[in-house]
């Protein structure tokens, strides 16, 4: 690593310059073999897309795995609400081949794990669900997210999620 990079940080990829929020800084970036860049900021993971780069908040990354020369990201999509709890479903994993990843894999892991405040697995008759309390980047608060397994009865999950969110907020059971 050159002394200039240590002093001034990672260079910002051209396609991200106009997309970053005010005071959002690139902590690490790596070129993707198919074009574009993957970049880490405090607010999320920037991923290349057909319509340009987009940021995925750390609270919406279900899984990020570094293997060989590729980062595979499983992004969660908000599908609804159960009281104050957010219901999630995983999108198909996306794979990004990075020839020179640098510190990006380490920072991604650190940020994804750092967003998790607590997690709990609940097995149900029709499947199960993960209940995860995460910090939302750019805010002072946390959110209860619930990701049911495929095929799990969503009404049962929503009922449990609503009660759990109420208890976390200090309400009565």
N, C-alpha and C. Protein backbone atom coordinates (compact mmCIF):
# COMPACT_ATOMS: atom_id res chain seq x y z
N UNK A 1 0.86 -1.18 0.00
CA UNK A 1 0.00 0.00 0.00
C UNK A 1 0.90 1.23 0.00
N UNK A 2 0.63 2.15 -0.90
CA UNK A 2 1.46 3.34 -0.99
C UNK A 2 1.16 4.30 0.15
N UNK A 3 2.11 5.18 0.42
CA UNK A 3 1.91 6.14 1.51
C UNK A 3 0.80 7.13 1.17
N UNK A 4 0.59 7.43 -0.11
CA UNK A 4 -0.51 8.33 -0.49
C UNK A 4 -1.87 7.71 -0.17
N UNK A 5 -2.00 6.42 -0.44
CA UNK A 5 -3.26 5.74 -0.15
C UNK A 5 -3.50 5.70 1.36
N UNK A 6 -2.45 5.49 2.12
CA UNK A 6 -2.59 5.50 3.58
C UNK A 6 -3.02 6.87 4.09
N UNK A 7 -2.48 7.91 3.48
CA UNK A 7 -2.77 9.27 3.91
C UNK A 7 -4.17 9.73 3.48
N UNK A 8 -4.53 9.46 2.22
CA UNK A 8 -5.78 9.99 1.67
C UNK A 8 -6.91 8.97 1.55
N UNK A 9 -6.63 7.70 1.83
CA UNK A 9 -7.67 6.68 1.74
C UNK A 9 -7.81 6.13 0.33
N UNK A 10 -8.83 5.32 0.16
CA UNK A 10 -9.07 4.67 -1.13
C UNK A 10 -9.53 5.69 -2.17
N UNK A 11 -9.06 5.54 -3.42
CA UNK A 11 -9.59 6.41 -4.46
C UNK A 11 -11.06 6.05 -4.73
N UNK A 12 -11.86 7.04 -5.02
CA UNK A 12 -13.28 6.81 -5.29
C UNK A 12 -13.44 6.47 -6.76
N UNK A 13 -14.03 5.32 -7.06
CA UNK A 13 -14.27 4.98 -8.47
C UNK A 13 -15.14 6.05 -9.14
N UNK A 14 -14.84 6.36 -10.40
CA UNK A 14 -15.53 7.44 -11.11
C UNK A 14 -17.04 7.29 -11.07
N UNK A 15 -17.55 6.06 -11.25
CA UNK A 15 -19.00 5.88 -11.32
C UNK A 15 -19.71 6.13 -9.99
N UNK A 16 -18.93 6.18 -8.89
CA UNK A 16 -19.53 6.42 -7.57
C UNK A 16 -19.50 7.88 -7.14
N UNK A 17 -18.68 8.68 -7.78
CA UNK A 17 -18.47 10.07 -7.33
C UNK A 17 -19.78 10.83 -7.13
N UNK A 18 -20.67 10.78 -8.07
CA UNK A 18 -21.93 11.53 -7.96
C UNK A 18 -23.01 10.80 -7.19
N UNK A 19 -22.79 9.53 -6.89
CA UNK A 19 -23.82 8.72 -6.23
C UNK A 19 -23.71 8.73 -4.71
N UNK A 20 -22.52 9.00 -4.19
CA UNK A 20 -22.32 8.98 -2.74
C UNK A 20 -23.12 10.08 -2.04
N UNK A 21 -23.61 9.77 -0.86
CA UNK A 21 -24.30 10.78 -0.04
C UNK A 21 -23.27 11.77 0.49
N UNK A 22 -23.75 12.92 0.91
CA UNK A 22 -22.86 13.91 1.50
C UNK A 22 -22.17 13.29 2.71
N UNK A 23 -20.89 13.48 2.82
CA UNK A 23 -20.06 12.94 3.91
C UNK A 23 -19.95 11.42 3.90
N UNK A 24 -20.32 10.76 2.80
CA UNK A 24 -20.12 9.31 2.67
C UNK A 24 -18.76 9.09 2.01
N UNK A 25 -17.92 8.28 2.64
CA UNK A 25 -16.55 8.09 2.16
C UNK A 25 -16.31 6.62 1.84
N UNK A 26 -15.58 6.39 0.77
CA UNK A 26 -15.23 5.03 0.36
C UNK A 26 -14.09 4.54 1.25
N UNK A 27 -14.31 3.41 1.92
CA UNK A 27 -13.30 2.81 2.79
C UNK A 27 -12.45 1.81 2.03
N UNK A 28 -13.05 1.15 1.04
CA UNK A 28 -12.34 0.19 0.19
C UNK A 28 -13.15 0.02 -1.08
N UNK A 29 -12.46 -0.24 -2.18
CA UNK A 29 -13.13 -0.48 -3.46
C UNK A 29 -12.30 -1.46 -4.26
N UNK A 30 -12.99 -2.23 -5.10
CA UNK A 30 -12.30 -3.19 -5.96
C UNK A 30 -13.06 -3.29 -7.28
N UNK A 31 -12.30 -3.37 -8.36
CA UNK A 31 -12.91 -3.51 -9.69
C UNK A 31 -13.48 -4.91 -9.85
N UNK A 32 -14.63 -4.99 -10.49
CA UNK A 32 -15.29 -6.27 -10.78
C UNK A 32 -14.89 -6.68 -12.19
N UNK A 33 -14.62 -7.97 -12.38
CA UNK A 33 -14.18 -8.47 -13.67
C UNK A 33 -15.12 -8.14 -14.82
N UNK A 34 -16.42 -8.07 -14.57
CA UNK A 34 -17.40 -7.79 -15.62
C UNK A 34 -17.70 -6.31 -15.78
N UNK A 35 -17.02 -5.47 -15.00
CA UNK A 35 -17.20 -4.03 -15.09
C UNK A 35 -17.76 -3.45 -13.80
N UNK A 36 -17.45 -2.21 -13.55
CA UNK A 36 -17.91 -1.55 -12.34
C UNK A 36 -17.04 -1.86 -11.15
N UNK A 37 -17.49 -1.44 -9.99
CA UNK A 37 -16.75 -1.62 -8.75
C UNK A 37 -17.67 -2.06 -7.63
N UNK A 38 -17.10 -2.77 -6.67
CA UNK A 38 -17.74 -3.02 -5.39
C UNK A 38 -17.02 -2.10 -4.42
N UNK A 39 -17.77 -1.37 -3.60
CA UNK A 39 -17.15 -0.43 -2.67
C UNK A 39 -17.83 -0.49 -1.31
N UNK A 40 -17.04 -0.26 -0.27
CA UNK A 40 -17.52 -0.26 1.12
C UNK A 40 -17.53 1.17 1.63
N UNK A 41 -18.67 1.57 2.24
CA UNK A 41 -18.75 2.83 2.97
C UNK A 41 -19.40 2.52 4.31
N UNK A 42 -19.47 3.49 5.18
CA UNK A 42 -20.13 3.28 6.47
C UNK A 42 -21.62 3.01 6.30
N UNK A 43 -22.22 3.49 5.21
CA UNK A 43 -23.66 3.34 5.01
C UNK A 43 -24.05 2.04 4.31
N UNK A 44 -23.11 1.41 3.62
CA UNK A 44 -23.48 0.17 2.94
C UNK A 44 -22.45 -0.28 1.93
N UNK A 45 -22.86 -1.28 1.17
CA UNK A 45 -22.03 -1.89 0.15
C UNK A 45 -22.53 -1.43 -1.22
N UNK A 46 -21.67 -0.80 -1.97
CA UNK A 46 -22.02 -0.36 -3.32
C UNK A 46 -21.74 -1.49 -4.29
N UNK A 47 -22.74 -1.80 -5.11
CA UNK A 47 -22.64 -2.89 -6.07
C UNK A 47 -22.91 -2.36 -7.47
N UNK A 48 -22.22 -2.91 -8.48
CA UNK A 48 -22.49 -2.48 -9.85
C UNK A 48 -23.81 -3.09 -10.33
N UNK A 49 -24.48 -2.38 -11.21
CA UNK A 49 -25.73 -2.88 -11.77
C UNK A 49 -25.94 -2.36 -13.17
N UNK A 50 -26.94 -2.87 -13.85
CA UNK A 50 -27.20 -2.48 -15.23
C UNK A 50 -27.60 -1.00 -15.33
N UNK A 51 -28.16 -0.45 -14.26
CA UNK A 51 -28.57 0.96 -14.26
C UNK A 51 -27.58 1.83 -13.48
N UNK A 52 -26.39 1.32 -13.25
CA UNK A 52 -25.38 2.05 -12.50
C UNK A 52 -25.23 1.49 -11.10
N UNK A 53 -24.31 2.05 -10.33
CA UNK A 53 -24.06 1.51 -8.99
C UNK A 53 -25.22 1.81 -8.05
N UNK A 54 -25.42 0.91 -7.09
CA UNK A 54 -26.45 1.10 -6.07
C UNK A 54 -25.92 0.64 -4.73
N UNK A 55 -26.38 1.33 -3.69
CA UNK A 55 -25.93 1.01 -2.34
C UNK A 55 -26.96 0.10 -1.67
N UNK A 56 -26.45 -0.96 -1.03
CA UNK A 56 -27.27 -1.85 -0.22
C UNK A 56 -26.85 -1.61 1.23
N UNK A 57 -27.78 -1.16 2.06
CA UNK A 57 -27.47 -0.91 3.47
C UNK A 57 -27.00 -2.18 4.16
N UNK A 58 -26.13 -2.04 5.12
CA UNK A 58 -25.58 -3.20 5.83
C UNK A 58 -26.68 -4.04 6.47
N UNK A 59 -27.77 -3.40 6.86
CA UNK A 59 -28.88 -4.13 7.50
C UNK A 59 -29.66 -4.99 6.50
N UNK A 60 -29.38 -4.84 5.20
CA UNK A 60 -30.08 -5.63 4.19
C UNK A 60 -29.17 -6.64 3.50
N UNK A 61 -28.04 -6.93 4.11
CA UNK A 61 -27.17 -7.98 3.58
C UNK A 61 -27.30 -9.18 4.50
N UNK A 62 -27.95 -10.22 4.00
CA UNK A 62 -28.16 -11.43 4.79
C UNK A 62 -26.87 -12.23 4.94
N UNK A 63 -26.09 -12.22 3.87
CA UNK A 63 -24.88 -13.05 3.88
C UNK A 63 -23.89 -12.50 2.86
N UNK A 64 -22.62 -12.51 3.21
CA UNK A 64 -21.55 -12.14 2.28
C UNK A 64 -20.41 -13.13 2.50
N UNK A 65 -20.03 -13.82 1.43
CA UNK A 65 -19.01 -14.86 1.53
C UNK A 65 -17.89 -14.58 0.54
N UNK A 66 -16.67 -14.62 1.03
CA UNK A 66 -15.49 -14.47 0.18
C UNK A 66 -14.91 -15.86 -0.04
N UNK A 67 -14.81 -16.28 -1.31
CA UNK A 67 -14.23 -17.59 -1.62
C UNK A 67 -13.47 -17.48 -2.93
N UNK A 68 -12.21 -17.91 -2.90
CA UNK A 68 -11.37 -17.81 -4.09
C UNK A 68 -11.15 -16.36 -4.46
N UNK A 69 -11.63 -15.98 -5.63
CA UNK A 69 -11.48 -14.59 -6.08
C UNK A 69 -12.83 -13.86 -6.17
N UNK A 70 -13.84 -14.40 -5.47
CA UNK A 70 -15.18 -13.83 -5.63
C UNK A 70 -15.85 -13.52 -4.29
N UNK A 71 -16.61 -12.45 -4.29
CA UNK A 71 -17.47 -12.07 -3.18
C UNK A 71 -18.90 -12.40 -3.60
N UNK A 72 -19.57 -13.25 -2.82
CA UNK A 72 -20.96 -13.60 -3.10
C UNK A 72 -21.83 -12.94 -2.04
N UNK A 73 -22.78 -12.13 -2.50
CA UNK A 73 -23.62 -11.33 -1.61
C UNK A 73 -25.07 -11.79 -1.74
N UNK A 74 -25.68 -12.10 -0.59
CA UNK A 74 -27.11 -12.39 -0.55
C UNK A 74 -27.80 -11.19 0.08
N UNK A 75 -28.58 -10.52 -0.74
CA UNK A 75 -29.27 -9.30 -0.30
C UNK A 75 -30.69 -9.66 0.14
N UNK A 76 -31.14 -9.02 1.20
CA UNK A 76 -32.51 -9.22 1.68
C UNK A 76 -33.41 -8.12 1.13
N UNK A 77 -34.65 -8.48 0.89
CA UNK A 77 -35.65 -7.54 0.41
C UNK A 77 -36.74 -7.42 1.47
N UNK A 78 -37.14 -6.20 1.78
CA UNK A 78 -38.23 -5.99 2.73
C UNK A 78 -39.54 -6.34 2.05
N UNK A 79 -40.27 -7.32 2.62
CA UNK A 79 -41.51 -7.79 2.00
C UNK A 79 -42.76 -7.33 2.73
N UNK A 80 -42.61 -6.79 3.93
CA UNK A 80 -43.77 -6.34 4.68
C UNK A 80 -43.40 -6.01 6.11
N UNK A 81 -44.44 -5.73 6.89
CA UNK A 81 -44.25 -5.37 8.30
C UNK A 81 -45.20 -6.18 9.16
N UNK A 82 -44.76 -6.45 10.37
CA UNK A 82 -45.59 -7.07 11.41
C UNK A 82 -45.41 -6.19 12.64
N UNK A 83 -46.29 -5.22 12.79
CA UNK A 83 -46.07 -4.21 13.83
C UNK A 83 -44.82 -3.43 13.47
N UNK A 84 -43.86 -3.37 14.39
CA UNK A 84 -42.60 -2.66 14.12
C UNK A 84 -41.53 -3.57 13.52
N UNK A 85 -41.81 -4.84 13.39
CA UNK A 85 -40.85 -5.78 12.80
C UNK A 85 -40.93 -5.71 11.27
N UNK A 86 -39.79 -5.89 10.64
CA UNK A 86 -39.71 -5.89 9.19
C UNK A 86 -39.54 -7.33 8.72
N UNK A 87 -40.40 -7.75 7.80
CA UNK A 87 -40.31 -9.10 7.24
C UNK A 87 -39.41 -9.05 6.01
N UNK A 88 -38.53 -10.04 5.90
CA UNK A 88 -37.55 -10.08 4.82
C UNK A 88 -37.65 -11.38 4.02
N UNK A 89 -37.18 -11.31 2.79
CA UNK A 89 -36.97 -12.50 1.96
C UNK A 89 -35.64 -12.30 1.25
N UNK A 90 -34.87 -13.37 1.14
CA UNK A 90 -33.57 -13.27 0.48
C UNK A 90 -33.74 -13.27 -1.03
N UNK A 91 -32.98 -12.40 -1.69
CA UNK A 91 -32.87 -12.42 -3.15
C UNK A 91 -31.84 -13.49 -3.51
N UNK A 92 -31.81 -13.89 -4.77
CA UNK A 92 -30.77 -14.85 -5.18
C UNK A 92 -29.38 -14.24 -4.96
N UNK A 93 -28.41 -15.06 -4.56
CA UNK A 93 -27.05 -14.54 -4.35
C UNK A 93 -26.46 -13.98 -5.65
N UNK A 94 -25.67 -12.93 -5.51
CA UNK A 94 -24.97 -12.33 -6.65
C UNK A 94 -23.47 -12.48 -6.41
N UNK A 95 -22.75 -12.86 -7.45
CA UNK A 95 -21.31 -13.15 -7.34
C UNK A 95 -20.52 -12.08 -8.09
N UNK A 96 -19.49 -11.55 -7.43
CA UNK A 96 -18.64 -10.51 -8.00
C UNK A 96 -17.19 -10.98 -7.94
N UNK A 97 -16.59 -11.18 -9.11
CA UNK A 97 -15.19 -11.61 -9.18
C UNK A 97 -14.31 -10.36 -9.08
N UNK A 98 -13.40 -10.38 -8.09
CA UNK A 98 -12.54 -9.23 -7.81
C UNK A 98 -11.08 -9.66 -7.94
N UNK A 99 -10.38 -9.15 -8.93
CA UNK A 99 -8.99 -9.54 -9.16
C UNK A 99 -8.07 -9.03 -8.04
N UNK A 100 -8.32 -7.83 -7.56
CA UNK A 100 -7.49 -7.23 -6.50
C UNK A 100 -8.40 -6.72 -5.39
N UNK A 101 -8.84 -7.60 -4.50
CA UNK A 101 -9.82 -7.21 -3.49
C UNK A 101 -9.28 -6.33 -2.38
N UNK A 102 -7.97 -6.39 -2.12
CA UNK A 102 -7.42 -5.59 -1.03
C UNK A 102 -8.10 -5.92 0.29
N UNK A 103 -8.47 -4.88 1.04
CA UNK A 103 -9.09 -5.09 2.35
C UNK A 103 -10.61 -5.19 2.27
N UNK A 104 -11.17 -5.17 1.06
CA UNK A 104 -12.62 -5.18 0.90
C UNK A 104 -13.30 -6.39 1.57
N UNK A 105 -12.84 -7.63 1.37
CA UNK A 105 -13.51 -8.76 2.03
C UNK A 105 -13.54 -8.64 3.56
N UNK A 106 -12.44 -8.19 4.14
CA UNK A 106 -12.37 -8.02 5.59
C UNK A 106 -13.37 -6.96 6.06
N UNK A 107 -13.43 -5.84 5.37
CA UNK A 107 -14.34 -4.76 5.76
C UNK A 107 -15.80 -5.16 5.58
N UNK A 108 -16.10 -5.91 4.52
CA UNK A 108 -17.48 -6.37 4.31
C UNK A 108 -17.90 -7.25 5.47
N UNK A 109 -17.06 -8.21 5.81
CA UNK A 109 -17.40 -9.11 6.93
C UNK A 109 -17.59 -8.33 8.23
N UNK A 110 -16.67 -7.42 8.48
CA UNK A 110 -16.73 -6.60 9.70
C UNK A 110 -18.02 -5.78 9.76
N UNK A 111 -18.43 -5.19 8.65
CA UNK A 111 -19.63 -4.34 8.62
C UNK A 111 -20.91 -5.17 8.72
N UNK A 112 -20.96 -6.30 8.02
CA UNK A 112 -22.17 -7.14 8.08
C UNK A 112 -22.36 -7.67 9.50
N UNK A 113 -21.29 -8.21 10.08
CA UNK A 113 -21.39 -8.74 11.44
C UNK A 113 -21.61 -7.63 12.46
N UNK A 114 -21.02 -6.47 12.23
CA UNK A 114 -21.16 -5.35 13.16
C UNK A 114 -22.56 -4.76 13.20
N UNK A 115 -23.34 -4.96 12.14
CA UNK A 115 -24.71 -4.45 12.11
C UNK A 115 -25.65 -5.29 12.96
N UNK A 116 -25.25 -6.53 13.26
CA UNK A 116 -26.11 -7.45 14.01
C UNK A 116 -25.94 -7.20 15.51
N UNK A 117 -27.05 -6.87 16.17
CA UNK A 117 -27.04 -6.67 17.62
C UNK A 117 -27.36 -7.97 18.35
N UNK A 118 -28.31 -8.73 17.81
CA UNK A 118 -28.64 -10.05 18.37
C UNK A 118 -29.39 -10.84 17.30
N UNK A 119 -29.38 -12.16 17.46
CA UNK A 119 -30.11 -13.02 16.51
C UNK A 119 -30.62 -14.25 17.24
N UNK A 120 -31.73 -14.75 16.73
CA UNK A 120 -32.37 -15.90 17.35
C UNK A 120 -33.09 -16.70 16.27
N UNK A 121 -32.95 -18.00 16.32
CA UNK A 121 -33.63 -18.90 15.38
C UNK A 121 -34.83 -19.51 16.07
N UNK A 122 -36.00 -19.41 15.46
CA UNK A 122 -37.24 -19.98 16.01
C UNK A 122 -37.73 -21.06 15.05
N UNK A 123 -37.78 -22.31 15.53
CA UNK A 123 -38.33 -23.40 14.73
C UNK A 123 -39.83 -23.46 14.95
N UNK A 124 -40.57 -23.63 13.86
CA UNK A 124 -42.02 -23.69 13.89
C UNK A 124 -42.49 -24.97 13.21
N UNK A 125 -43.75 -25.30 13.38
CA UNK A 125 -44.29 -26.53 12.79
C UNK A 125 -44.14 -26.52 11.26
N UNK A 126 -44.27 -25.35 10.64
CA UNK A 126 -44.22 -25.28 9.17
C UNK A 126 -42.85 -24.84 8.64
N UNK A 127 -41.84 -24.79 9.47
CA UNK A 127 -40.51 -24.34 9.05
C UNK A 127 -39.81 -23.62 10.18
N UNK A 128 -39.39 -22.41 9.92
CA UNK A 128 -38.71 -21.63 10.95
C UNK A 128 -38.42 -20.24 10.45
N UNK A 129 -37.81 -19.45 11.31
CA UNK A 129 -37.48 -18.07 10.94
C UNK A 129 -36.32 -17.58 11.79
N UNK A 130 -35.54 -16.68 11.21
CA UNK A 130 -34.49 -15.97 11.93
C UNK A 130 -35.04 -14.63 12.37
N UNK A 131 -34.83 -14.30 13.63
CA UNK A 131 -35.19 -13.01 14.20
C UNK A 131 -33.87 -12.30 14.50
N UNK A 132 -33.64 -11.19 13.83
CA UNK A 132 -32.36 -10.50 13.93
C UNK A 132 -32.60 -9.02 14.24
N UNK A 133 -31.95 -8.53 15.29
CA UNK A 133 -31.98 -7.10 15.59
C UNK A 133 -30.71 -6.51 14.99
N UNK A 134 -30.91 -5.53 14.11
CA UNK A 134 -29.77 -4.91 13.42
C UNK A 134 -29.79 -3.40 13.57
N UNK A 135 -28.60 -2.85 13.56
CA UNK A 135 -28.44 -1.40 13.51
C UNK A 135 -28.64 -0.98 12.05
N UNK A 136 -29.37 0.10 11.86
CA UNK A 136 -29.60 0.63 10.52
C UNK A 136 -28.57 1.73 10.28
N UNK A 137 -27.75 1.61 9.21
CA UNK A 137 -26.71 2.61 8.96
C UNK A 137 -27.29 4.02 8.81
N UNK A 138 -26.60 4.97 9.39
CA UNK A 138 -27.01 6.36 9.27
C UNK A 138 -28.08 6.78 10.26
N UNK A 139 -28.45 5.88 11.18
CA UNK A 139 -29.46 6.20 12.19
C UNK A 139 -28.91 5.83 13.56
N UNK A 140 -29.62 6.23 14.60
CA UNK A 140 -29.24 5.85 15.95
C UNK A 140 -30.00 4.63 16.43
N UNK A 141 -30.87 4.10 15.59
CA UNK A 141 -31.75 3.03 16.05
C UNK A 141 -31.45 1.67 15.47
N UNK A 142 -32.22 0.71 15.96
CA UNK A 142 -32.14 -0.67 15.50
C UNK A 142 -33.52 -1.09 15.02
N UNK A 143 -33.55 -2.19 14.29
CA UNK A 143 -34.80 -2.72 13.78
C UNK A 143 -34.81 -4.23 13.97
N UNK A 144 -35.99 -4.78 14.28
CA UNK A 144 -36.16 -6.23 14.33
C UNK A 144 -36.53 -6.68 12.93
N UNK A 145 -35.70 -7.56 12.38
CA UNK A 145 -35.97 -8.14 11.07
C UNK A 145 -36.27 -9.61 11.25
N UNK A 146 -37.22 -10.11 10.47
CA UNK A 146 -37.60 -11.51 10.55
C UNK A 146 -37.55 -12.10 9.15
N UNK A 147 -36.73 -13.15 9.00
CA UNK A 147 -36.56 -13.81 7.71
C UNK A 147 -37.05 -15.25 7.83
N UNK A 148 -38.30 -15.51 7.38
CA UNK A 148 -38.82 -16.87 7.45
C UNK A 148 -38.20 -17.77 6.39
N UNK A 149 -38.10 -19.05 6.71
CA UNK A 149 -37.67 -20.04 5.72
C UNK A 149 -38.74 -20.14 4.64
N UNK A 150 -38.35 -20.49 3.42
CA UNK A 150 -39.36 -20.70 2.38
C UNK A 150 -40.35 -21.78 2.83
N UNK A 151 -41.63 -21.53 2.59
CA UNK A 151 -42.67 -22.49 2.95
C UNK A 151 -43.22 -22.34 4.36
N UNK A 152 -42.62 -21.49 5.17
CA UNK A 152 -43.09 -21.27 6.54
C UNK A 152 -44.38 -20.45 6.50
N UNK A 153 -45.32 -20.77 7.38
CA UNK A 153 -46.59 -20.06 7.47
C UNK A 153 -46.33 -18.61 7.87
N UNK A 154 -46.55 -17.69 6.93
CA UNK A 154 -46.23 -16.28 7.16
C UNK A 154 -47.13 -15.63 8.20
N UNK A 155 -48.37 -16.11 8.33
CA UNK A 155 -49.27 -15.54 9.34
C UNK A 155 -48.74 -15.83 10.75
N UNK A 156 -48.24 -17.05 10.95
CA UNK A 156 -47.69 -17.43 12.26
C UNK A 156 -46.43 -16.60 12.54
N UNK A 157 -45.57 -16.48 11.53
CA UNK A 157 -44.34 -15.69 11.69
C UNK A 157 -44.68 -14.23 12.00
N UNK A 158 -45.64 -13.66 11.29
CA UNK A 158 -46.01 -12.26 11.50
C UNK A 158 -46.55 -12.04 12.91
N UNK A 159 -47.33 -12.98 13.41
CA UNK A 159 -47.88 -12.86 14.76
C UNK A 159 -46.76 -12.87 15.81
N UNK A 160 -45.82 -13.80 15.65
CA UNK A 160 -44.69 -13.89 16.59
C UNK A 160 -43.81 -12.65 16.47
N UNK A 161 -43.57 -12.19 15.24
CA UNK A 161 -42.72 -11.02 15.00
C UNK A 161 -43.33 -9.76 15.62
N UNK A 162 -44.62 -9.60 15.48
CA UNK A 162 -45.28 -8.42 16.05
C UNK A 162 -45.17 -8.41 17.57
N UNK A 163 -45.36 -9.57 18.18
CA UNK A 163 -45.24 -9.67 19.64
C UNK A 163 -43.80 -9.40 20.08
N UNK A 164 -42.83 -9.97 19.36
CA UNK A 164 -41.42 -9.77 19.70
C UNK A 164 -41.03 -8.30 19.58
N UNK A 165 -41.49 -7.64 18.53
CA UNK A 165 -41.17 -6.22 18.34
C UNK A 165 -41.78 -5.38 19.46
N UNK A 166 -42.97 -5.73 19.88
CA UNK A 166 -43.63 -5.00 20.97
C UNK A 166 -42.84 -5.16 22.27
N UNK A 167 -42.38 -6.38 22.54
CA UNK A 167 -41.58 -6.63 23.75
C UNK A 167 -40.25 -5.87 23.70
N UNK A 168 -39.62 -5.87 22.53
CA UNK A 168 -38.34 -5.15 22.39
C UNK A 168 -38.52 -3.65 22.61
N UNK A 169 -39.67 -3.13 22.22
CA UNK A 169 -39.94 -1.70 22.38
C UNK A 169 -40.38 -1.35 23.79
N UNK A 170 -40.52 -2.37 24.65
CA UNK A 170 -40.90 -2.12 26.03
C UNK A 170 -42.39 -2.15 26.27
N UNK A 171 -43.14 -2.65 25.28
CA UNK A 171 -44.59 -2.73 25.43
C UNK A 171 -44.99 -3.97 26.21
N UNK A 172 -46.26 -4.10 26.47
CA UNK A 172 -46.75 -5.26 27.21
C UNK A 172 -46.89 -6.44 26.26
N UNK A 173 -46.76 -7.65 26.77
CA UNK A 173 -46.84 -8.84 25.91
C UNK A 173 -48.18 -9.08 25.31
